[in-house]
Structures are given as structure tokens and as C-alpha cells.
């Protein structure tokens, strides 16, 4: 088991009261699974993604990632987990405009204190995996939206993370580019990547093998997706 969440709650203060954003969430993710969590705006899916990605911590409950209890981690430990255990793919790419594709992909390895020669070799291999070996020296403004997202996916996989976490990965793309990105996720899954995708789009969620639904902070489902 890669990820285990037990009775996760997340509250935010609002004046003298609290807003209960997540309510007793339970989730297991096994190695090699391809899971989508689907929900509308305001359902709690972004908060859940932030907790899964160790960008935030729960108010109560247990979250174990790769055998490590996240609630017991300090900020430095959480940063190390994000760098080494989780590969992030965001809707808006978050590429650095003054770095070319190769350097953008290598950036997580720089933060992980990997030697420059190894960083560049691994970044080049990741770009080859996503079909951009001929665009390594291109800057983000020289790439299409779909190519930028593929660079972002290469950056997410360059550190060989335990979990690939994607938040609305096709939300900023046209339908053709979005289809190519989803095909790439399928290829990565077939090669053994564990993928957890957050989306509001049922057409995107159906690419996953298992689909959960979140509404008003309550997670349900675990239904078969594309199979």
C-alpha cells in the first residue's frame, strides 16, 4: 500500500465557527493503481489534493504515505517527501519562463542535490519519455500548451516518484492536446506508474481504472473506470 488515509478531517476557522471541508475521508492507493477523484467546484477535491500532496496537513485522522505518518512530519520533512515521493502535474504547468525545457525538468533534482551531469541526463530521458527529445532547448513561450504540459509531466516523473498526482491536467488544453496528455498518462500507467488524478470532468475521470467521487467533503465510490 502506497497511501492510506483513515478518518481524515479538515476544518478551517471562519469567525467563531469552523467550516468542515473534509469529513471522515478514507482512501487506499496501492502500487500501480490509476485512480481519479471527481467532484464539482467547492466539493473539497482541491483540499484533498493538497493533503495527499503534503501541501497541507489534516485537522484529524491518519495519513500514511510509503509507511510514513504525515501528521508527525515537520516542514522540512514534508518538503523532502514532496520532492522525492510525489510528482505534481498542475493545470497551469508552472514552468519557469526563463528556463528551457531541459532545465525546467531538471529542477526537482537540483533541489534534491543530484549532480549536474546526472540531472541533465535524467531530465533528457524524461523528456524523451514524453516525446519531446527534440524540444529540450525550447523555452515555454516557444512551446504549445500541450507541449508545456508534457514538459510538466516530464518534470513530475524525473525523480521516479512513488505517486504521480495530477490536478485537472487537461483543464488548460484544447481537446486534441488533452487527448494526447491522457494517452501519455495511460502509457505511464502501463509502465508501472501509480497515478492519482483530481478532476471535475467525467470524460477525463473515465480514463482511470478506479473512480471516486467527492461531494460536500465526503468521499465515496471506488467504482471501475475504463475497465
Protein backbone atom coordinates (compact mmCIF):
# COMPACT_ATOMS: atom_id res chain seq x y z
CA UNK A 1 0.00 0.00 0.00
CA UNK A 2 1.43 3.36 -1.05
CA UNK A 3 -1.15 5.63 0.56
CA UNK A 4 -3.56 5.11 3.43
CA UNK A 5 -5.96 7.74 4.72
CA UNK A 6 -8.10 6.97 7.75
CA UNK A 7 -10.91 9.24 9.01
CA UNK A 8 -9.33 12.38 7.58
CA UNK A 9 -10.99 15.64 8.55
CA UNK A 10 -10.00 19.15 7.52
CA UNK A 11 -11.52 22.20 9.18
CA UNK A 12 -10.93 25.88 8.54
CA UNK A 13 -11.83 28.62 11.04
CA UNK A 14 -14.44 31.13 9.93
CA UNK A 15 -15.02 33.75 12.58
CA UNK A 16 -16.09 31.98 15.72
CA UNK A 17 -17.10 28.82 13.91
CA UNK A 18 -15.43 26.22 11.70
CA UNK A 19 -16.02 25.08 8.16
CA UNK A 20 -15.78 21.30 7.80
CA UNK A 21 -14.24 20.89 4.35
CA UNK A 22 -13.34 17.18 4.52
CA UNK A 23 -15.38 14.71 6.56
CA UNK A 24 -14.03 11.31 7.61
CA UNK A 25 -12.28 10.60 4.32
CA UNK A 26 -10.90 7.09 3.86
CA UNK A 27 -8.73 6.22 0.88
CA UNK A 28 -6.27 3.47 -0.04
CA UNK A 29 -3.94 3.61 -3.05
CA UNK A 30 -1.92 0.54 -4.00
CA UNK A 31 1.19 0.49 -6.11
CA UNK A 32 0.40 0.62 -9.84
CA UNK A 33 -3.17 1.87 -9.45
CA UNK A 34 -4.68 4.58 -11.66
CA UNK A 35 -7.32 6.46 -9.67
CA UNK A 36 -9.46 9.51 -10.40
CA UNK A 37 -11.21 11.58 -7.75
CA UNK A 38 -14.05 13.51 -9.33
CA UNK A 39 -16.07 16.35 -7.86
CA UNK A 40 -17.55 19.75 -8.68
CA UNK A 41 -16.15 23.11 -7.60
CA UNK A 42 -16.42 23.50 -3.84
CA UNK A 43 -16.64 19.76 -3.19
CA UNK A 44 -13.37 19.57 -1.24
CA UNK A 45 -11.33 17.93 -4.00
CA UNK A 46 -8.63 20.63 -4.03
CA UNK A 47 -8.28 20.43 -0.25
CA UNK A 48 -7.97 16.66 -0.51
CA UNK A 49 -5.34 17.01 -3.23
CA UNK A 50 -3.36 19.41 -1.02
CA UNK A 51 -3.41 16.87 1.80
CA UNK A 52 -2.42 13.97 -0.47
CA UNK A 53 0.40 16.10 -1.87
CA UNK A 54 1.64 17.05 1.62
CA UNK A 55 0.99 20.73 0.86
CA UNK A 56 -1.24 20.80 3.94
CA UNK A 57 -1.94 18.58 6.93
CA UNK A 58 -5.29 17.24 8.21
CA UNK A 59 -7.08 18.56 11.26
CA UNK A 60 -7.54 15.00 12.43
CA UNK A 61 -7.14 11.46 11.15
CA UNK A 62 -4.21 9.40 9.90
CA UNK A 63 -2.39 9.78 6.59
CA UNK A 64 0.39 7.27 5.91
CA UNK A 65 2.44 7.66 2.72
CA UNK A 66 5.02 4.98 1.95
CA UNK A 67 4.89 3.85 5.57
CA UNK A 68 5.41 7.36 6.99
CA UNK A 69 2.80 9.11 9.15
CA UNK A 70 2.47 12.55 7.58
CA UNK A 71 0.96 14.25 10.62
CA UNK A 72 4.18 13.59 12.53
CA UNK A 73 6.39 15.32 9.92
CA UNK A 74 7.83 18.80 10.28
CA UNK A 75 8.03 21.31 7.41
CA UNK A 76 11.47 20.14 6.26
CA UNK A 77 10.36 16.51 6.21
CA UNK A 78 7.22 17.43 4.26
CA UNK A 79 9.34 19.30 1.71
CA UNK A 80 11.57 16.26 1.28
CA UNK A 81 8.54 14.00 0.83
CA UNK A 82 7.12 16.33 -1.83
CA UNK A 83 10.46 16.37 -3.64
CA UNK A 84 11.18 12.64 -3.57
CA UNK A 85 7.85 10.82 -3.19
CA UNK A 86 5.33 12.86 -5.18
CA UNK A 87 5.36 14.08 -8.76
CA UNK A 88 2.98 17.00 -9.30
CA UNK A 89 1.18 17.87 -12.54
CA UNK A 90 -0.90 21.05 -12.32
CA UNK A 91 -3.47 22.55 -14.67
CA UNK A 92 -1.33 25.66 -15.26
CA UNK A 93 2.02 23.89 -15.93
CA UNK A 94 4.05 26.17 -13.57
CA UNK A 95 7.09 26.17 -15.83
CA UNK A 96 9.77 28.80 -15.22
CA UNK A 97 9.76 31.08 -18.31
CA UNK A 98 13.50 31.83 -18.28
CA UNK A 99 14.47 28.14 -18.23
CA UNK A 100 14.37 25.84 -21.23
CA UNK A 101 12.55 22.52 -21.17
CA UNK A 102 15.60 20.56 -20.03
CA UNK A 103 16.34 22.87 -17.10
CA UNK A 104 12.67 23.01 -16.06
CA UNK A 105 12.54 19.22 -15.92
CA UNK A 106 15.83 19.00 -14.03
CA UNK A 107 14.75 21.49 -11.35
CA UNK A 108 13.39 18.97 -8.78
CA UNK A 109 16.69 17.10 -8.99
CA UNK A 110 18.57 20.31 -8.24
CA UNK A 111 16.54 20.69 -5.05
CA UNK A 112 17.30 17.02 -4.35
CA UNK A 113 21.06 17.71 -4.52
CA UNK A 114 21.62 15.49 -7.57
CA UNK A 115 24.85 16.16 -9.51
CA UNK A 116 24.52 18.37 -12.59
CA UNK A 117 25.58 15.72 -15.11
CA UNK A 118 23.06 13.23 -13.68
CA UNK A 119 20.34 15.91 -13.52
CA UNK A 120 20.72 16.69 -17.20
CA UNK A 121 20.88 13.02 -18.23
CA UNK A 122 17.75 12.13 -16.25
CA UNK A 123 15.90 15.23 -17.49
CA UNK A 124 16.77 14.34 -21.09
CA UNK A 125 15.47 10.80 -20.55
CA UNK A 126 12.22 12.11 -19.04
CA UNK A 127 11.68 14.45 -21.99
CA UNK A 128 12.28 11.53 -24.34
CA UNK A 129 9.64 9.56 -22.43
CA UNK A 130 7.05 12.27 -23.13
CA UNK A 131 8.10 12.62 -26.77
CA UNK A 132 9.91 15.96 -26.54
CA UNK A 133 13.52 14.93 -27.12
CA UNK A 134 13.68 17.45 -29.99
CA UNK A 135 12.39 20.34 -27.85
CA UNK A 136 14.87 20.20 -24.95
CA UNK A 137 16.36 23.64 -25.63
CA UNK A 138 12.99 25.32 -26.25
CA UNK A 139 11.61 27.80 -23.73
CA UNK A 140 7.97 27.67 -22.53
CA UNK A 141 6.90 30.54 -24.80
CA UNK A 142 8.21 28.55 -27.77
CA UNK A 143 6.03 25.53 -26.93
CA UNK A 144 2.33 24.84 -27.37
CA UNK A 145 0.09 24.31 -24.35
CA UNK A 146 0.14 20.55 -24.87
CA UNK A 147 3.93 20.55 -25.12
CA UNK A 148 4.20 22.64 -21.94
CA UNK A 149 2.05 20.11 -20.11
CA UNK A 150 4.24 17.28 -21.37
CA UNK A 151 7.29 19.14 -20.06
CA UNK A 152 5.47 19.43 -16.73
CA UNK A 153 4.78 15.68 -16.77
CA UNK A 154 8.45 15.01 -17.52
CA UNK A 155 9.36 17.19 -14.54
CA UNK A 156 6.91 15.21 -12.39
CA UNK A 157 8.39 11.82 -13.32
CA UNK A 158 12.09 12.75 -13.44
CA UNK A 159 12.60 11.88 -9.78
CA UNK A 160 10.86 8.49 -10.15
CA UNK A 161 8.22 9.40 -7.54
CA UNK A 162 6.13 6.93 -5.59
CA UNK A 163 2.94 8.75 -6.63
CA UNK A 164 2.08 10.87 -9.66
CA UNK A 165 -0.51 13.45 -8.56
CA UNK A 166 -2.35 15.32 -11.32
CA UNK A 167 -4.73 18.22 -10.72
CA UNK A 168 -7.04 18.92 -13.69
CA UNK A 169 -4.18 18.03 -16.07
CA UNK A 170 -6.13 18.89 -19.25
CA UNK A 171 -8.01 21.91 -17.89
CA UNK A 172 -5.92 24.48 -19.81
CA UNK A 173 -5.70 22.47 -23.05
CA UNK A 174 -7.75 22.11 -26.22
CA UNK A 175 -9.40 18.75 -26.83
CA UNK A 176 -6.66 17.42 -29.12
CA UNK A 177 -3.83 18.30 -26.71
CA UNK A 178 -5.88 16.97 -23.81
CA UNK A 179 -6.32 13.64 -25.59
CA UNK A 180 -2.55 13.38 -26.12
CA UNK A 181 -1.90 14.09 -22.44
CA UNK A 182 -4.36 11.43 -21.34
CA UNK A 183 -2.75 8.94 -23.72
CA UNK A 184 0.59 9.76 -22.10
CA UNK A 185 -0.83 9.09 -18.64
CA UNK A 186 -2.08 5.73 -19.90
CA UNK A 187 1.41 4.89 -21.20
CA UNK A 188 2.98 5.87 -17.88
CA UNK A 189 0.46 3.70 -16.04
CA UNK A 190 1.22 0.75 -18.30
CA UNK A 191 4.91 1.19 -17.41
CA UNK A 192 4.08 0.94 -13.71
CA UNK A 193 3.42 4.49 -12.52
CA UNK A 194 0.89 4.97 -9.72
CA UNK A 195 -1.41 7.83 -10.73
CA UNK A 196 -3.97 9.76 -8.74
CA UNK A 197 -5.87 12.37 -10.73
CA UNK A 198 -8.19 15.11 -9.46
CA UNK A 199 -10.82 16.31 -11.94
CA UNK A 200 -14.34 17.69 -12.34
CA UNK A 201 -14.67 16.16 -15.83
CA UNK A 202 -16.30 12.75 -16.16
CA UNK A 203 -14.73 12.26 -19.62
CA UNK A 204 -11.28 12.67 -18.07
CA UNK A 205 -12.07 10.56 -15.00
CA UNK A 206 -13.14 7.60 -17.13
CA UNK A 207 -9.53 7.14 -18.29
CA UNK A 208 -8.68 5.96 -14.78
CA UNK A 209 -9.19 2.36 -13.69
CA UNK A 210 -10.97 3.35 -10.47
CA UNK A 211 -13.13 6.43 -9.89
CA UNK A 212 -14.05 8.03 -6.56
CA UNK A 213 -16.50 10.89 -6.09
CA UNK A 214 -16.29 13.72 -3.59
CA UNK A 215 -19.21 15.95 -2.68
CA UNK A 216 -19.57 18.26 0.31
CA UNK A 217 -16.32 16.88 1.71
CA UNK A 218 -17.46 13.25 1.67
CA UNK A 219 -15.54 10.73 -0.46
CA UNK A 220 -17.41 7.76 -1.91
CA UNK A 221 -17.20 5.25 -4.72
CA UNK A 222 -14.14 3.36 -5.84
CA UNK A 223 -16.01 2.22 -8.94
CA UNK A 224 -14.39 0.71 -12.01
CA UNK A 225 -13.44 3.36 -14.55
CA UNK A 226 -12.19 2.42 -18.01
CA UNK A 227 -12.16 -1.30 -17.39
